């Protein structure tokens, strides 16, 4: 995008898709929220965590959601990840209106459509990398041979094919996070949703993990990353900043990096 062009949030297509209340988004839109709102009752005090978020993310985009503590980014992540439901507005995931689903329906969508990556790796210490990655397929009832093949494929995707029989204590922090990413990918989700994925890693290992996400995005995986670190957000190709429960800015990587004084994608 060249200087003077509109920010992503101002493009006609995005305005049109978030402005079409009740209309099913086209197949190219994997996430669409319209007027998304979430309030919490904290001992009689109403906290408005989200105050009407309009967001449209195309299939295969690599997006960072940024914001300070209390901005609403964790609430938005929980809604996008089908871990919570909004009080108002719509959320469409992969062409399905999920904002009015029951908890059981949400769980089915979550297991099928979303791969989660957290800052804590949540690996079983006595299981190999391959066995850890297989776990979601065990729960899904996939047969042993197919399970192992798909788990090995996912580990190859994150450049860990040679370490698949190692246990977590035999792997570095970056390798353990890559196992966690492979586990999130093994169900072939519509979205890879990463919550502060470098929070427990040093800067060199963080750069390694950012290269993995970049590679996955190059392969066509939709990646949505939640972070409070500007230098990590600048690795994504689009950066959405939340403030006080609304979107404060929605920019390309280059626009965001220039505004905050970072080299786009710098390690």
Protein backbone atom coordinates (compact mmCIF):
# COMPACT_ATOMS: atom_id res chain seq x y z
CA UNK A 1 0.00 0.00 0.00
CA UNK A 2 1.42 3.34 -0.99
CA UNK A 3 1.24 6.53 1.08
CA UNK A 4 -2.12 8.26 0.73
CA UNK A 5 -4.10 5.05 0.17
CA UNK A 6 -6.90 4.38 2.67
CA UNK A 7 -6.28 2.18 5.70
CA UNK A 8 -7.64 -1.35 5.49
CA UNK A 9 -10.57 -0.43 7.72
CA UNK A 10 -11.66 2.20 5.19
CA UNK A 11 -11.77 -0.01 2.11
CA UNK A 12 -15.16 -0.35 0.45
CA UNK A 13 -15.23 -4.14 0.61
CA UNK A 14 -14.67 -4.26 4.37
CA UNK A 15 -17.18 -1.47 4.98
CA UNK A 16 -19.73 -3.30 2.87
CA UNK A 17 -19.32 -6.69 4.54
CA UNK A 18 -19.46 -5.37 8.11
CA UNK A 19 -22.36 -3.06 7.23
CA UNK A 20 -24.60 -5.83 5.86
CA UNK A 21 -26.36 -6.84 9.08
CA UNK A 22 -27.78 -10.37 8.91
CA UNK A 23 -26.27 -11.12 5.49
CA UNK A 24 -24.05 -14.19 5.15
CA UNK A 25 -20.53 -13.00 4.21
CA UNK A 26 -18.93 -14.24 0.99
CA UNK A 27 -16.66 -17.29 1.04
CA UNK A 28 -13.49 -15.14 1.08
CA UNK A 29 -14.30 -13.81 4.60
CA UNK A 30 -13.36 -16.21 7.39
CA UNK A 31 -14.14 -13.79 10.28
CA UNK A 32 -16.77 -11.06 10.22
CA UNK A 33 -17.99 -9.23 13.34
CA UNK A 34 -20.71 -6.58 13.19
CA UNK A 35 -21.31 -4.33 16.18
CA UNK A 36 -19.83 -6.99 18.48
CA UNK A 37 -20.42 -6.10 22.13
CA UNK A 38 -19.59 -7.83 25.41
CA UNK A 39 -20.49 -6.64 28.88
CA UNK A 40 -19.68 -8.24 32.22
CA UNK A 41 -21.46 -7.76 35.55
CA UNK A 42 -18.65 -7.38 38.09
CA UNK A 43 -20.47 -7.37 41.43
CA UNK A 44 -23.20 -5.04 40.24
CA UNK A 45 -20.89 -2.85 38.17
CA UNK A 46 -21.28 -3.26 34.39
CA UNK A 47 -17.95 -3.42 32.54
CA UNK A 48 -18.25 -2.82 28.80
CA UNK A 49 -15.30 -4.80 27.45
CA UNK A 50 -16.31 -4.47 23.78
CA UNK A 51 -18.45 -1.58 22.58
CA UNK A 52 -19.29 -2.47 18.99
CA UNK A 53 -16.43 -4.04 17.04
CA UNK A 54 -16.71 -4.21 13.24
CA UNK A 55 -14.00 -6.49 11.85
CA UNK A 56 -13.60 -8.42 8.59
CA UNK A 57 -10.71 -10.84 8.05
CA UNK A 58 -10.22 -12.57 4.73
CA UNK A 59 -9.21 -16.18 4.36
CA UNK A 60 -5.37 -16.51 4.38
CA UNK A 61 -4.75 -13.15 6.12
CA UNK A 62 -2.12 -12.81 8.86
CA UNK A 63 -3.49 -10.33 11.41
CA UNK A 64 -2.25 -9.08 14.78
CA UNK A 65 -4.73 -7.75 17.33
CA UNK A 66 -2.94 -5.26 19.57
CA UNK A 67 -3.89 -3.17 22.53
CA UNK A 68 -2.95 -2.26 26.10
CA UNK A 69 -4.32 -4.08 29.14
CA UNK A 70 -8.06 -3.42 29.40
CA UNK A 71 -8.46 -2.58 25.70
CA UNK A 72 -10.74 -5.56 25.01
CA UNK A 73 -8.30 -7.65 22.98
CA UNK A 74 -8.56 -10.72 25.25
CA UNK A 75 -12.37 -10.48 25.20
CA UNK A 76 -12.29 -10.24 21.39
CA UNK A 77 -9.97 -13.26 21.24
CA UNK A 78 -12.37 -15.27 23.44
CA UNK A 79 -15.29 -14.37 21.16
CA UNK A 80 -13.36 -15.10 17.95
CA UNK A 81 -12.20 -18.39 19.50
CA UNK A 82 -15.80 -19.38 20.39
CA UNK A 83 -14.84 -19.52 24.08
CA UNK A 84 -17.47 -16.90 24.94
CA UNK A 85 -20.61 -15.37 23.42
CA UNK A 86 -21.37 -11.67 22.84
CA UNK A 87 -24.18 -9.65 24.44
CA UNK A 88 -24.82 -7.88 21.15
CA UNK A 89 -23.87 -7.88 17.50
CA UNK A 90 -23.00 -10.71 15.12
CA UNK A 91 -20.03 -13.01 14.70
CA UNK A 92 -19.72 -15.03 11.49
CA UNK A 93 -17.01 -17.70 11.31
CA UNK A 94 -16.40 -19.33 7.96
CA UNK A 95 -19.89 -18.38 6.76
CA UNK A 96 -21.67 -19.62 9.92
CA UNK A 97 -23.40 -17.29 12.39
CA UNK A 98 -21.87 -18.52 15.66
CA UNK A 99 -22.82 -15.60 17.93
CA UNK A 100 -26.19 -17.16 18.78
CA UNK A 101 -25.05 -20.77 19.21
CA UNK A 102 -25.40 -22.87 22.36
CA UNK A 103 -22.30 -23.92 24.33
CA UNK A 104 -22.41 -27.42 22.81
CA UNK A 105 -22.66 -26.05 19.27
CA UNK A 106 -19.80 -23.62 19.98
CA UNK A 107 -17.63 -26.48 21.24
CA UNK A 108 -18.16 -28.39 17.99
CA UNK A 109 -17.30 -25.32 15.88
CA UNK A 110 -14.27 -24.56 18.06
CA UNK A 111 -12.87 -28.08 17.68
CA UNK A 112 -13.37 -28.06 13.92
CA UNK A 113 -12.51 -24.50 12.92
CA UNK A 114 -9.95 -23.12 15.40
CA UNK A 115 -6.42 -24.10 16.39
CA UNK A 116 -5.23 -22.43 19.60
CA UNK A 117 -1.66 -21.49 20.49
CA UNK A 118 -0.99 -20.09 23.97
CA UNK A 119 2.10 -18.63 25.66
CA UNK A 120 2.23 -21.71 27.92
CA UNK A 121 2.91 -24.73 25.73
CA UNK A 122 0.60 -27.15 27.65
CA UNK A 123 2.49 -30.23 26.48
CA UNK A 124 2.32 -33.63 28.18
CA UNK A 125 5.82 -34.07 29.66
CA UNK A 126 6.02 -37.87 29.24
CA UNK A 127 4.71 -37.90 25.67
CA UNK A 128 6.79 -37.42 22.53
CA UNK A 129 6.28 -34.45 20.23
CA UNK A 130 4.37 -36.75 17.86
CA UNK A 131 2.08 -38.01 20.65
CA UNK A 132 1.41 -34.46 21.85
CA UNK A 133 0.43 -33.36 18.35
CA UNK A 134 -1.80 -36.43 17.92
CA UNK A 135 -3.94 -35.57 20.97
CA UNK A 136 -6.71 -33.54 19.22
CA UNK A 137 -7.10 -36.39 16.72
CA UNK A 138 -7.38 -38.94 19.54
CA UNK A 139 -10.30 -36.92 20.95
CA UNK A 140 -11.79 -36.68 17.46
CA UNK A 141 -11.73 -40.48 17.11
CA UNK A 142 -9.28 -40.57 14.18
CA UNK A 143 -7.64 -43.97 13.61
CA UNK A 144 -4.03 -44.61 14.67
CA UNK A 145 -2.41 -44.72 11.23
CA UNK A 146 -4.17 -41.59 9.94
CA UNK A 147 -3.49 -39.83 13.24
CA UNK A 148 0.25 -40.46 13.09
CA UNK A 149 0.47 -39.45 9.44
CA UNK A 150 -1.30 -36.14 10.05
CA UNK A 151 0.69 -35.41 13.23
CA UNK A 152 3.96 -36.06 11.39
CA UNK A 153 2.79 -33.74 8.55
CA UNK A 154 2.01 -30.98 11.05
CA UNK A 155 5.45 -31.31 12.66
CA UNK A 156 7.05 -31.10 9.19
CA UNK A 157 5.08 -27.87 8.63
CA UNK A 158 6.82 -26.28 11.62
CA UNK A 159 10.26 -27.69 10.68
CA UNK A 160 10.36 -30.25 13.51
CA UNK A 161 10.23 -33.47 11.50
CA UNK A 162 13.56 -34.65 12.89
CA UNK A 163 12.51 -34.15 16.53
CA UNK A 164 9.11 -35.84 16.52
CA UNK A 165 10.15 -38.63 18.91
CA UNK A 166 11.70 -36.27 21.48
CA UNK A 167 9.93 -35.42 24.73
CA UNK A 168 9.36 -31.78 25.77
CA UNK A 169 12.30 -31.79 28.22
CA UNK A 170 14.57 -32.69 25.29
CA UNK A 171 13.43 -29.65 23.29
CA UNK A 172 14.23 -25.94 23.51
CA UNK A 173 11.52 -23.39 24.36
CA UNK A 174 11.14 -22.49 20.70
CA UNK A 175 10.86 -26.14 19.70
CA UNK A 176 8.22 -26.74 22.37
CA UNK A 177 6.19 -23.82 21.05
CA UNK A 178 6.52 -25.26 17.56
CA UNK A 179 5.12 -28.57 18.85
CA UNK A 180 2.20 -26.59 20.30
CA UNK A 181 1.70 -24.87 16.92
CA UNK A 182 1.76 -28.25 15.14
CA UNK A 183 -0.86 -29.54 17.59
CA UNK A 184 -3.04 -26.51 16.78
CA UNK A 185 -2.66 -27.22 13.03
CA UNK A 186 -3.35 -30.96 13.08
CA UNK A 187 -7.14 -30.59 12.77
CA UNK A 188 -6.60 -28.35 9.71
CA UNK A 189 -8.45 -25.40 11.24
CA UNK A 190 -9.85 -22.38 9.41
CA UNK A 191 -8.01 -20.10 11.86
CA UNK A 192 -4.81 -20.41 13.84
CA UNK A 193 -5.50 -18.24 16.90
CA UNK A 194 -2.35 -17.36 18.86
CA UNK A 195 -2.64 -15.66 22.28
CA UNK A 196 0.64 -13.96 23.27
CA UNK A 197 2.57 -16.82 21.59
CA UNK A 198 6.00 -15.35 22.46
CA UNK A 199 5.14 -14.31 26.03
CA UNK A 200 7.44 -16.92 27.60
CA UNK A 201 10.24 -16.69 25.03
CA UNK A 202 13.40 -14.60 24.69
CA UNK A 203 13.78 -12.23 21.74
CA UNK A 204 15.80 -14.62 19.56
CA UNK A 205 13.32 -17.49 20.10
CA UNK A 206 10.41 -15.08 19.55
CA UNK A 207 11.86 -14.22 16.14
CA UNK A 208 12.08 -17.95 15.36
CA UNK A 209 8.38 -18.41 16.19
CA UNK A 210 7.44 -15.36 14.11
CA UNK A 211 9.22 -16.97 11.14
CA UNK A 212 7.06 -20.08 11.65
CA UNK A 213 3.86 -18.00 11.54
CA UNK A 214 5.14 -16.16 8.45
CA UNK A 215 5.79 -19.51 6.76
CA UNK A 216 2.32 -20.82 7.67
CA UNK A 217 0.74 -17.63 6.31
CA UNK A 218 2.73 -18.11 3.09
CA UNK A 219 1.22 -21.62 2.87
CA UNK A 220 -2.29 -20.15 3.05
CA UNK A 221 -3.09 -20.55 6.76
CA UNK A 222 -5.23 -17.78 8.30
CA UNK A 223 -3.35 -16.55 11.38
CA UNK A 224 -4.80 -14.23 14.05
CA UNK A 225 -2.31 -13.28 16.75
CA UNK A 226 -3.17 -11.40 19.95
CA UNK A 227 -0.25 -9.50 21.50
CA UNK A 228 0.56 -6.41 23.54
CA UNK A 229 4.08 -6.14 22.08
CA UNK A 230 4.42 -3.68 19.16
CA UNK A 231 7.54 -5.38 17.75
CA UNK A 232 5.74 -8.75 17.66
CA UNK A 233 2.61 -7.21 16.09
CA UNK A 234 4.79 -5.69 13.36
CA UNK A 235 5.52 -9.19 12.03
CA UNK A 236 1.88 -9.63 10.99
CA UNK A 237 0.73 -8.31 7.62
CA UNK A 238 -2.11 -6.32 9.15
CA UNK A 239 -2.38 -4.81 12.62
CA UNK A 240 -5.69 -4.03 14.34
CA UNK A 241 -5.36 -1.90 17.50
CA UNK A 242 -8.10 -1.93 20.13
CA UNK A 243 -8.61 0.81 22.67
CA UNK A 244 -11.46 1.09 25.20
CA UNK A 245 -13.41 -1.71 23.55
CA UNK A 246 -13.40 -0.35 19.99
CA UNK A 247 -11.02 -0.54 17.02
CA UNK A 248 -8.71 2.48 17.19
CA UNK A 249 -6.75 1.67 14.01
CA UNK A 250 -6.60 -1.01 11.31
CA UNK A 251 -3.46 -0.79 9.19
CA UNK A 252 -1.07 -2.68 6.98
CA UNK A 253 2.19 -3.81 8.58
CA UNK A 254 4.07 -0.98 6.86
CA UNK A 255 1.59 1.68 8.00
CA UNK A 256 1.60 0.41 11.58
CA UNK A 257 5.39 0.09 11.74
CA UNK A 258 5.87 3.59 10.39
CA UNK A 259 3.39 5.03 12.86
CA UNK A 260 5.01 3.39 15.91
CA UNK A 261 8.57 3.81 14.66
CA UNK A 262 9.44 0.16 13.95
CA UNK A 263 11.06 -1.52 10.99
CA UNK A 264 8.25 -3.64 9.50
CA UNK A 265 8.86 -7.30 10.24
CA UNK A 266 12.21 -6.56 11.89
CA UNK A 267 13.58 -9.29 14.10
